[in-house]
Full PDB file with SEQRES, HELIX, SHEET, SSBOND, CRYST1, ORIGX, SCALE, CONECT and MASTER records, all heavy atoms in Angstrom:
SEQRES   1 A   36  PRO ILE TRP SER ARG TRP ALA ALA LEU ALA VAL ALA ALA          
SEQRES   2 A   36  LEU LEU LEU ALA GLY THR VAL GLN GLY LEU ILE GLU VAL          
SEQRES   3 A   36  ALA SER PRO LYS ALA LEU VAL ASP THR THR                      
HELIX    1 AA1 ILE A    2  VAL A   26  1                                  25    
HELIX    2 AA2 PRO A   29  ASP A   34  1                                   6    
CRYST1    1.000    1.000    1.000  90.00  90.00  90.00 P 1           1          
ORIGX1      1.000000  0.000000  0.000000        0.00000                         
ORIGX2      0.000000  1.000000  0.000000        0.00000                         
ORIGX3      0.000000  0.000000  1.000000        0.00000                         
SCALE1      1.000000  0.000000  0.000000        0.00000                         
SCALE2      0.000000  1.000000  0.000000        0.00000                         
SCALE3      0.000000  0.000000  1.000000        0.00000                         
ATOM      1  N   PRO A   1       8.858  -3.487  23.226  1.00  0.00           N  
ATOM      2  CA  PRO A   1       7.647  -2.653  23.092  1.00  0.00           C  
ATOM      3  C   PRO A   1       7.862  -1.420  22.212  1.00  0.00           C  
ATOM      4  O   PRO A   1       6.981  -1.045  21.437  1.00  0.00           O  
ATOM      5  CB  PRO A   1       7.334  -2.258  24.541  1.00  0.00           C  
ATOM      6  CG  PRO A   1       7.945  -3.344  25.370  1.00  0.00           C  
ATOM      7  CD  PRO A   1       9.209  -3.713  24.652  1.00  0.00           C  
ATOM      8  N   ILE A   2       9.052  -0.808  22.335  1.00  0.00           N  
ATOM      9  CA  ILE A   2       9.333   0.359  21.487  1.00  0.00           C  
ATOM     10  C   ILE A   2       9.408  -0.064  20.028  1.00  0.00           C  
ATOM     11  O   ILE A   2       8.832   0.564  19.138  1.00  0.00           O  
ATOM     12  CB  ILE A   2      10.645   1.040  21.925  1.00  0.00           C  
ATOM     13  CG1 ILE A   2      10.541   1.514  23.372  1.00  0.00           C  
ATOM     14  CG2 ILE A   2      10.985   2.204  20.999  1.00  0.00           C  
ATOM     15  CD1 ILE A   2      11.845   2.058  23.920  1.00  0.00           C  
ATOM     16  N   TRP A   3      10.142  -1.161  19.784  1.00  0.00           N  
ATOM     17  CA  TRP A   3      10.259  -1.658  18.410  1.00  0.00           C  
ATOM     18  C   TRP A   3       8.891  -2.038  17.845  1.00  0.00           C  
ATOM     19  O   TRP A   3       8.611  -1.783  16.667  1.00  0.00           O  
ATOM     20  CB  TRP A   3      11.204  -2.853  18.346  1.00  0.00           C  
ATOM     21  CG  TRP A   3      11.009  -3.628  17.069  1.00  0.00           C  
ATOM     22  CD1 TRP A   3      10.470  -4.861  16.916  1.00  0.00           C  
ATOM     23  CD2 TRP A   3      11.308  -3.170  15.750  1.00  0.00           C  
ATOM     24  NE1 TRP A   3      10.413  -5.214  15.599  1.00  0.00           N  
ATOM     25  CE2 TRP A   3      10.923  -4.186  14.853  1.00  0.00           C  
ATOM     26  CE3 TRP A   3      11.847  -1.997  15.240  1.00  0.00           C  
ATOM     27  CZ2 TRP A   3      11.069  -4.070  13.478  1.00  0.00           C  
ATOM     28  CZ3 TRP A   3      12.000  -1.873  13.854  1.00  0.00           C  
ATOM     29  CH2 TRP A   3      11.625  -2.899  12.997  1.00  0.00           C  
ATOM     30  N   SER A   4       8.047  -2.618  18.666  1.00  0.00           N  
ATOM     31  CA  SER A   4       6.720  -3.014  18.198  1.00  0.00           C  
ATOM     32  C   SER A   4       5.923  -1.802  17.717  1.00  0.00           C  
ATOM     33  O   SER A   4       5.234  -1.860  16.687  1.00  0.00           O  
ATOM     34  CB  SER A   4       5.973  -3.737  19.311  1.00  0.00           C  
ATOM     35  OG  SER A   4       4.707  -4.181  18.871  1.00  0.00           O  
ATOM     36  N   ARG A   5       6.025  -0.684  18.448  1.00  0.00           N  
ATOM     37  CA  ARG A   5       5.331   0.536  18.012  1.00  0.00           C  
ATOM     38  C   ARG A   5       5.928   1.068  16.711  1.00  0.00           C  
ATOM     39  O   ARG A   5       5.202   1.502  15.811  1.00  0.00           O  
ATOM     40  CB  ARG A   5       5.387   1.601  19.110  1.00  0.00           C  
ATOM     41  CG  ARG A   5       4.514   1.282  20.326  1.00  0.00           C  
ATOM     42  CD  ARG A   5       4.367   2.501  21.231  1.00  0.00           C  
ATOM     43  NE  ARG A   5       5.624   2.867  21.868  1.00  0.00           N  
ATOM     44  CZ  ARG A   5       6.059   2.360  23.020  1.00  0.00           C  
ATOM     45  NH1 ARG A   5       5.349   1.440  23.662  1.00  0.00           N  
ATOM     46  NH2 ARG A   5       7.204   2.761  23.546  1.00  0.00           N  
ATOM     47  N   TRP A   6       7.252   1.047  16.602  1.00  0.00           N  
ATOM     48  CA  TRP A   6       7.901   1.475  15.365  1.00  0.00           C  
ATOM     49  C   TRP A   6       7.437   0.628  14.185  1.00  0.00           C  
ATOM     50  O   TRP A   6       7.130   1.154  13.111  1.00  0.00           O  
ATOM     51  CB  TRP A   6       9.414   1.354  15.498  1.00  0.00           C  
ATOM     52  CG  TRP A   6      10.058   2.400  16.351  1.00  0.00           C  
ATOM     53  CD1 TRP A   6       9.437   3.344  17.111  1.00  0.00           C  
ATOM     54  CD2 TRP A   6      11.453   2.588  16.515  1.00  0.00           C  
ATOM     55  NE1 TRP A   6      10.357   4.115  17.750  1.00  0.00           N  
ATOM     56  CE2 TRP A   6      11.612   3.687  17.410  1.00  0.00           C  
ATOM     57  CE3 TRP A   6      12.587   1.975  16.028  1.00  0.00           C  
ATOM     58  CZ2 TRP A   6      12.860   4.149  17.791  1.00  0.00           C  
ATOM     59  CZ3 TRP A   6      13.837   2.431  16.409  1.00  0.00           C  
ATOM     60  CH2 TRP A   6      13.968   3.503  17.286  1.00  0.00           C  
ATOM     61  N   ALA A   7       7.430  -0.686  14.390  1.00  0.00           N  
ATOM     62  CA  ALA A   7       7.036  -1.591  13.310  1.00  0.00           C  
ATOM     63  C   ALA A   7       5.594  -1.335  12.890  1.00  0.00           C  
ATOM     64  O   ALA A   7       5.267  -1.355  11.699  1.00  0.00           O  
ATOM     65  CB  ALA A   7       7.226  -3.043  13.743  1.00  0.00           C  
ATOM     66  N   ALA A   8       4.718  -1.100  13.888  1.00  0.00           N  
ATOM     67  CA  ALA A   8       3.314  -0.841  13.561  1.00  0.00           C  
ATOM     68  C   ALA A   8       3.175   0.435  12.730  1.00  0.00           C  
ATOM     69  O   ALA A   8       2.410   0.482  11.763  1.00  0.00           O  
ATOM     70  CB  ALA A   8       2.492  -0.731  14.844  1.00  0.00           C  
ATOM     71  N   LEU A   9       3.935   1.481  13.098  1.00  0.00           N  
ATOM     72  CA  LEU A   9       3.888   2.724  12.332  1.00  0.00           C  
ATOM     73  C   LEU A   9       4.442   2.519  10.922  1.00  0.00           C  
ATOM     74  O   LEU A   9       3.894   3.039   9.943  1.00  0.00           O  
ATOM     75  CB  LEU A   9       4.685   3.813  13.051  1.00  0.00           C  
ATOM     76  CG  LEU A   9       4.056   4.373  14.335  1.00  0.00           C  
ATOM     77  CD1 LEU A   9       5.027   5.314  15.043  1.00  0.00           C  
ATOM     78  CD2 LEU A   9       2.754   5.119  14.001  1.00  0.00           C  
ATOM     79  N   ALA A  10       5.536   1.753  10.821  1.00  0.00           N  
ATOM     80  CA  ALA A  10       6.137   1.503   9.505  1.00  0.00           C  
ATOM     81  C   ALA A  10       5.180   0.729   8.612  1.00  0.00           C  
ATOM     82  O   ALA A  10       5.029   1.033   7.419  1.00  0.00           O  
ATOM     83  CB  ALA A  10       7.456   0.751   9.664  1.00  0.00           C  
ATOM     84  N   VAL A  11       4.524  -0.281   9.171  1.00  0.00           N  
ATOM     85  CA  VAL A  11       3.573  -1.074   8.391  1.00  0.00           C  
ATOM     86  C   VAL A  11       2.373  -0.223   7.983  1.00  0.00           C  
ATOM     87  O   VAL A  11       1.873  -0.322   6.852  1.00  0.00           O  
ATOM     88  CB  VAL A  11       3.127  -2.314   9.187  1.00  0.00           C  
ATOM     89  CG1 VAL A  11       1.961  -3.013   8.495  1.00  0.00           C  
ATOM     90  CG2 VAL A  11       4.297  -3.285   9.339  1.00  0.00           C  
ATOM     91  N   ALA A  12       1.895   0.619   8.896  1.00  0.00           N  
ATOM     92  CA  ALA A  12       0.782   1.510   8.552  1.00  0.00           C  
ATOM     93  C   ALA A  12       1.171   2.449   7.407  1.00  0.00           C  
ATOM     94  O   ALA A  12       0.373   2.691   6.491  1.00  0.00           O  
ATOM     95  CB  ALA A  12       0.361   2.319   9.778  1.00  0.00           C  
ATOM     96  N   ALA A  13       2.403   2.962   7.452  1.00  0.00           N  
ATOM     97  CA  ALA A  13       2.881   3.825   6.365  1.00  0.00           C  
ATOM     98  C   ALA A  13       2.959   3.050   5.054  1.00  0.00           C  
ATOM     99  O   ALA A  13       2.594   3.576   3.984  1.00  0.00           O  
ATOM    100  CB  ALA A  13       4.251   4.401   6.729  1.00  0.00           C  
ATOM    101  N   LEU A  14       3.437   1.807   5.135  1.00  0.00           N  
ATOM    102  CA  LEU A  14       3.495   0.966   3.934  1.00  0.00           C  
ATOM    103  C   LEU A  14       2.118   0.752   3.332  1.00  0.00           C  
ATOM    104  O   LEU A  14       1.927   0.863   2.116  1.00  0.00           O  
ATOM    105  CB  LEU A  14       4.124  -0.387   4.279  1.00  0.00           C  
ATOM    106  CG  LEU A  14       5.639  -0.463   4.360  1.00  0.00           C  
ATOM    107  CD1 LEU A  14       6.061  -1.782   4.989  1.00  0.00           C  
ATOM    108  CD2 LEU A  14       6.247  -0.339   2.974  1.00  0.00           C  
ATOM    109  N   LEU A  15       1.150   0.435   4.177  1.00  0.00           N  
ATOM    110  CA  LEU A  15      -0.203   0.164   3.691  1.00  0.00           C  
ATOM    111  C   LEU A  15      -0.823   1.411   3.070  1.00  0.00           C  
ATOM    112  O   LEU A  15      -1.411   1.356   1.978  1.00  0.00           O  
ATOM    113  CB  LEU A  15      -1.076  -0.337   4.839  1.00  0.00           C  
ATOM    114  CG  LEU A  15      -0.827  -1.769   5.309  1.00  0.00           C  
ATOM    115  CD1 LEU A  15      -1.637  -2.066   6.572  1.00  0.00           C  
ATOM    116  CD2 LEU A  15      -1.187  -2.771   4.212  1.00  0.00           C  
ATOM    117  N   LEU A  16      -0.712   2.548   3.770  1.00  0.00           N  
ATOM    118  CA  LEU A  16      -1.313   3.775   3.265  1.00  0.00           C  
ATOM    119  C   LEU A  16      -0.654   4.218   1.959  1.00  0.00           C  
ATOM    120  O   LEU A  16      -1.337   4.510   0.968  1.00  0.00           O  
ATOM    121  CB  LEU A  16      -1.191   4.881   4.316  1.00  0.00           C  
ATOM    122  CG  LEU A  16      -1.756   6.253   3.909  1.00  0.00           C  
ATOM    123  CD1 LEU A  16      -3.243   6.151   3.601  1.00  0.00           C  
ATOM    124  CD2 LEU A  16      -1.502   7.277   5.013  1.00  0.00           C  
ATOM    125  N   ALA A  17       0.679   4.255   1.956  1.00  0.00           N  
ATOM    126  CA  ALA A  17       1.386   4.694   0.756  1.00  0.00           C  
ATOM    127  C   ALA A  17       1.160   3.729  -0.399  1.00  0.00           C  
ATOM    128  O   ALA A  17       0.965   4.143  -1.547  1.00  0.00           O  
ATOM    129  CB  ALA A  17       2.887   4.823   1.056  1.00  0.00           C  
ATOM    130  N   GLY A  18       1.186   2.427  -0.103  1.00  0.00           N  
ATOM    131  CA  GLY A  18       0.966   1.439  -1.162  1.00  0.00           C  
ATOM    132  C   GLY A  18      -0.428   1.544  -1.756  1.00  0.00           C  
ATOM    133  O   GLY A  18      -0.617   1.381  -2.967  1.00  0.00           O  
ATOM    134  N   THR A  19      -1.427   1.817  -0.913  1.00  0.00           N  
ATOM    135  CA  THR A  19      -2.802   1.958  -1.408  1.00  0.00           C  
ATOM    136  C   THR A  19      -2.934   3.159  -2.332  1.00  0.00           C  
ATOM    137  O   THR A  19      -3.507   3.071  -3.427  1.00  0.00           O  
ATOM    138  CB  THR A  19      -3.781   2.099  -0.227  1.00  0.00           C  
ATOM    139  OG1 THR A  19      -3.696   0.929   0.595  1.00  0.00           O  
ATOM    140  CG2 THR A  19      -5.204   2.247  -0.732  1.00  0.00           C  
ATOM    141  N   VAL A  20      -2.382   4.308  -1.908  1.00  0.00           N  
ATOM    142  CA  VAL A  20      -2.460   5.517  -2.732  1.00  0.00           C  
ATOM    143  C   VAL A  20      -1.728   5.320  -4.054  1.00  0.00           C  
ATOM    144  O   VAL A  20      -2.244   5.635  -5.134  1.00  0.00           O  
ATOM    145  CB  VAL A  20      -1.887   6.727  -1.968  1.00  0.00           C  
ATOM    146  CG1 VAL A  20      -1.822   7.957  -2.878  1.00  0.00           C  
ATOM    147  CG2 VAL A  20      -2.713   7.018  -0.736  1.00  0.00           C  
ATOM    148  N   GLN A  21      -0.523   4.766  -3.980  1.00  0.00           N  
ATOM    149  CA  GLN A  21       0.255   4.560  -5.204  1.00  0.00           C  
ATOM    150  C   GLN A  21      -0.418   3.555  -6.124  1.00  0.00           C  
ATOM    151  O   GLN A  21      -0.427   3.716  -7.343  1.00  0.00           O  
ATOM    152  CB  GLN A  21       1.678   4.086  -4.856  1.00  0.00           C  
ATOM    153  CG  GLN A  21       2.634   4.088  -6.031  1.00  0.00           C  
ATOM    154  CD  GLN A  21       2.974   5.486  -6.517  1.00  0.00           C  
ATOM    155  OE1 GLN A  21       2.430   6.467  -6.032  1.00  0.00           O  
ATOM    156  NE2 GLN A  21       3.856   5.582  -7.485  1.00  0.00           N  
ATOM    157  N   GLY A  22      -1.017   2.505  -5.541  1.00  0.00           N  
ATOM    158  CA  GLY A  22      -1.723   1.521  -6.353  1.00  0.00           C  
ATOM    159  C   GLY A  22      -2.899   2.131  -7.087  1.00  0.00           C  
ATOM    160  O   GLY A  22      -3.142   1.844  -8.262  1.00  0.00           O  
ATOM    161  N   LEU A  23      -3.649   3.000  -6.403  1.00  0.00           N  
ATOM    162  CA  LEU A  23      -4.789   3.653  -7.045  1.00  0.00           C  
ATOM    163  C   LEU A  23      -4.334   4.524  -8.210  1.00  0.00           C  
ATOM    164  O   LEU A  23      -5.003   4.588  -9.255  1.00  0.00           O  
ATOM    165  CB  LEU A  23      -5.543   4.508  -6.016  1.00  0.00           C  
ATOM    166  CG  LEU A  23      -6.322   3.732  -4.945  1.00  0.00           C  
ATOM    167  CD1 LEU A  23      -6.878   4.697  -3.899  1.00  0.00           C  
ATOM    168  CD2 LEU A  23      -7.465   2.934  -5.579  1.00  0.00           C  
ATOM    169  N   ILE A  24      -3.186   5.177  -8.056  1.00  0.00           N  
ATOM    170  CA  ILE A  24      -2.692   6.048  -9.123  1.00  0.00           C  
ATOM    171  C   ILE A  24      -2.172   5.238 -10.302  1.00  0.00           C  
ATOM    172  O   ILE A  24      -2.478   5.519 -11.461  1.00  0.00           O  
ATOM    173  CB  ILE A  24      -1.585   6.982  -8.583  1.00  0.00           C  
ATOM    174  CG1 ILE A  24      -2.173   7.963  -7.567  1.00  0.00           C  
ATOM    175  CG2 ILE A  24      -0.907   7.738  -9.714  1.00  0.00           C  
ATOM    176  CD1 ILE A  24      -1.128   8.808  -6.864  1.00  0.00           C  
ATOM    177  N   GLU A  25      -1.370   4.196 -10.017  1.00  0.00           N  
ATOM    178  CA  GLU A  25      -0.714   3.455 -11.087  1.00  0.00           C  
ATOM    179  C   GLU A  25      -1.640   2.463 -11.785  1.00  0.00           C  
ATOM    180  O   GLU A  25      -1.437   2.142 -12.957  1.00  0.00           O  
ATOM    181  CB  GLU A  25       0.523   2.715 -10.540  1.00  0.00           C  
ATOM    182  CG  GLU A  25       1.617   3.627 -10.004  1.00  0.00           C  
ATOM    183  CD  GLU A  25       2.264   4.470 -11.085  1.00  0.00           C  
ATOM    184  OE1 GLU A  25       1.980   4.240 -12.270  1.00  0.00           O  
ATOM    185  OE2 GLU A  25       3.045   5.370 -10.744  1.00  0.00           O  
ATOM    186  N   VAL A  26      -2.655   1.950 -11.077  1.00  0.00           N  
ATOM    187  CA  VAL A  26      -3.547   0.952 -11.679  1.00  0.00           C  
ATOM    188  C   VAL A  26      -4.725   1.627 -12.368  1.00  0.00           C  
ATOM    189  O   VAL A  26      -5.118   1.242 -13.472  1.00  0.00           O  
ATOM    190  CB  VAL A  26      -4.033  -0.057 -10.617  1.00  0.00           C  
ATOM    191  CG1 VAL A  26      -5.050  -1.017 -11.211  1.00  0.00           C  
ATOM    192  CG2 VAL A  26      -2.841  -0.832 -10.062  1.00  0.00           C  
ATOM    193  N   ALA A  27      -5.317   2.604 -11.727  1.00  0.00           N  
ATOM    194  CA  ALA A  27      -6.362   3.462 -12.312  1.00  0.00           C  
ATOM    195  C   ALA A  27      -7.729   2.806 -12.414  1.00  0.00           C  
ATOM    196  O   ALA A  27      -8.744   3.469 -12.296  1.00  0.00           O  
ATOM    197  CB  ALA A  27      -5.936   3.994 -13.686  1.00  0.00           C  
ATOM    198  N   SER A  28      -7.821   1.493 -12.644  1.00  0.00           N  
ATOM    199  CA  SER A  28      -9.130   0.846 -12.782  1.00  0.00           C  
ATOM    200  C   SER A  28      -9.049  -0.597 -12.314  1.00  0.00           C  
ATOM    201  O   SER A  28      -8.002  -1.237 -12.435  1.00  0.00           O  
ATOM    202  CB  SER A  28      -9.611   0.895 -14.231  1.00  0.00           C  
ATOM    203  OG  SER A  28      -8.840   0.040 -15.040  1.00  0.00           O  
ATOM    204  N   PRO A  29     -10.158  -1.151 -11.776  1.00  0.00           N  
ATOM    205  CA  PRO A  29     -10.154  -2.556 -11.348  1.00  0.00           C  
ATOM    206  C   PRO A  29      -9.831  -3.512 -12.485  1.00  0.00           C  
ATOM    207  O   PRO A  29      -9.178  -4.542 -12.286  1.00  0.00           O  
ATOM    208  CB  PRO A  29     -11.580  -2.764 -10.817  1.00  0.00           C  
ATOM    209  CG  PRO A  29     -12.065  -1.400 -10.458  1.00  0.00           C  
ATOM    210  CD  PRO A  29     -11.430  -0.471 -11.441  1.00  0.00           C  
ATOM    211  N   LYS A  30     -10.278  -3.186 -13.695  1.00  0.00           N  
ATOM    212  CA  LYS A  30     -10.017  -4.067 -14.838  1.00  0.00           C  
ATOM    213  C   LYS A  30      -8.524  -4.183 -15.125  1.00  0.00           C  
ATOM    214  O   LYS A  30      -8.005  -5.259 -15.425  1.00  0.00           O  
ATOM    215  CB  LYS A  30     -10.748  -3.523 -16.069  1.00  0.00           C  
ATOM    216  CG  LYS A  30     -10.770  -4.481 -17.258  1.00  0.00           C  
ATOM    217  CD  LYS A  30     -11.639  -3.910 -18.373  1.00  0.00           C  
ATOM    218  CE  LYS A  30     -11.823  -4.935 -19.499  1.00  0.00           C  
ATOM    219  NZ  LYS A  30     -10.565  -5.335 -20.119  1.00  0.00           N  
ATOM    220  N   ALA A  31      -7.807  -3.051 -15.002  1.00  0.00           N  
ATOM    221  CA  ALA A  31      -6.366  -3.066 -15.250  1.00  0.00           C  
ATOM    222  C   ALA A  31      -5.623  -3.890 -14.209  1.00  0.00           C  
ATOM    223  O   ALA A  31      -4.520  -4.372 -14.461  1.00  0.00           O  
ATOM    224  CB  ALA A  31      -5.824  -1.634 -15.265  1.00  0.00           C  
ATOM    225  N   LEU A  32      -6.238  -4.073 -13.052  1.00  0.00           N  
ATOM    226  CA  LEU A  32      -5.599  -4.851 -11.992  1.00  0.00           C  
ATOM    227  C   LEU A  32      -5.452  -6.312 -12.378  1.00  0.00           C  
ATOM    228  O   LEU A  32      -4.515  -6.993 -11.944  1.00  0.00           O  
ATOM    229  CB  LEU A  32      -6.412  -4.726 -10.701  1.00  0.00           C  
ATOM    230  CG  LEU A  32      -5.742  -5.166  -9.393  1.00  0.00           C  
ATOM    231  CD1 LEU A  32      -4.508  -4.327  -9.110  1.00  0.00           C  
ATOM    232  CD2 LEU A  32      -6.719  -5.069  -8.242  1.00  0.00           C  
ATOM    233  N   VAL A  33      -6.362  -6.823 -13.200  1.00  0.00           N  
ATOM    234  CA  VAL A  33      -6.312  -8.236 -13.603  1.00  0.00           C  
ATOM    235  C   VAL A  33      -5.915  -8.420 -15.054  1.00  0.00           C  
ATOM    236  O   VAL A  33      -5.510  -9.514 -15.450  1.00  0.00           O  
ATOM    237  CB  VAL A  33      -7.678  -8.924 -13.348  1.00  0.00           C  
ATOM    238  CG1 VAL A  33      -7.991  -8.964 -11.872  1.00  0.00           C  
ATOM    239  CG2 VAL A  33      -8.799  -8.203 -14.098  1.00  0.00           C  
ATOM    240  N   ASP A  34      -6.006  -7.364 -15.864  1.00  0.00           N  
ATOM    241  CA  ASP A  34      -5.728  -7.495 -17.292  1.00  0.00           C  
ATOM    242  C   ASP A  34      -4.307  -7.133 -17.682  1.00  0.00           C  
ATOM    243  O   ASP A  34      -3.928  -7.301 -18.843  1.00  0.00           O  
ATOM    244  CB  ASP A  34      -6.695  -6.614 -18.103  1.00  0.00           C  
ATOM    245  CG  ASP A  34      -8.106  -7.176 -18.140  1.00  0.00           C  
ATOM    246  OD1 ASP A  34      -8.282  -8.328 -17.682  1.00  0.00           O  
ATOM    247  OD2 ASP A  34      -9.024  -6.470 -18.600  1.00  0.00           O  
ATOM    248  N   THR A  35      -3.512  -6.611 -16.745  1.00  0.00           N  
ATOM    249  CA  THR A  35      -2.154  -6.184 -17.069  1.00  0.00           C  
ATOM    250  C   THR A  35      -1.146  -6.918 -16.201  1.00  0.00           C  
ATOM    251  O   THR A  35      -1.458  -7.379 -15.098  1.00  0.00           O  
ATOM    252  CB  THR A  35      -1.980  -4.674 -16.864  1.00  0.00           C  
ATOM    253  OG1 THR A  35      -2.137  -4.357 -15.474  1.00  0.00           O  
ATOM    254  CG2 THR A  35      -3.008  -3.883 -17.669  1.00  0.00           C  
ATOM    255  N   THR A  36       0.083  -7.018 -16.716  1.00  0.00           N  
ATOM    256  CA  THR A  36       1.162  -7.657 -15.946  1.00  0.00           C  
ATOM    257  C   THR A  36       1.421  -6.895 -14.652  1.00  0.00           C  
ATOM    258  O   THR A  36       1.611  -7.494 -13.589  1.00  0.00           O  
ATOM    259  CB  THR A  36       2.447  -7.704 -16.790  1.00  0.00           C  
ATOM    260  OG1 THR A  36       2.197  -8.451 -17.980  1.00  0.00           O  
ATOM    261  CG2 THR A  36       3.578  -8.368 -16.014  1.00  0.00           C  
TER     262      THR A  36                                                      
MASTER        0    0    0    2    0    0    0    6  261    1    0    3          
END                                                                             
């Protein structure tokens, strides 16, 4: 149960940080599909 809470927090951090970083690095929906 303790590990499950840790994992949930870690995954939430991954999702939040990944979303923010993706918005900064991609900048536009078009670049999401038009670039490598």
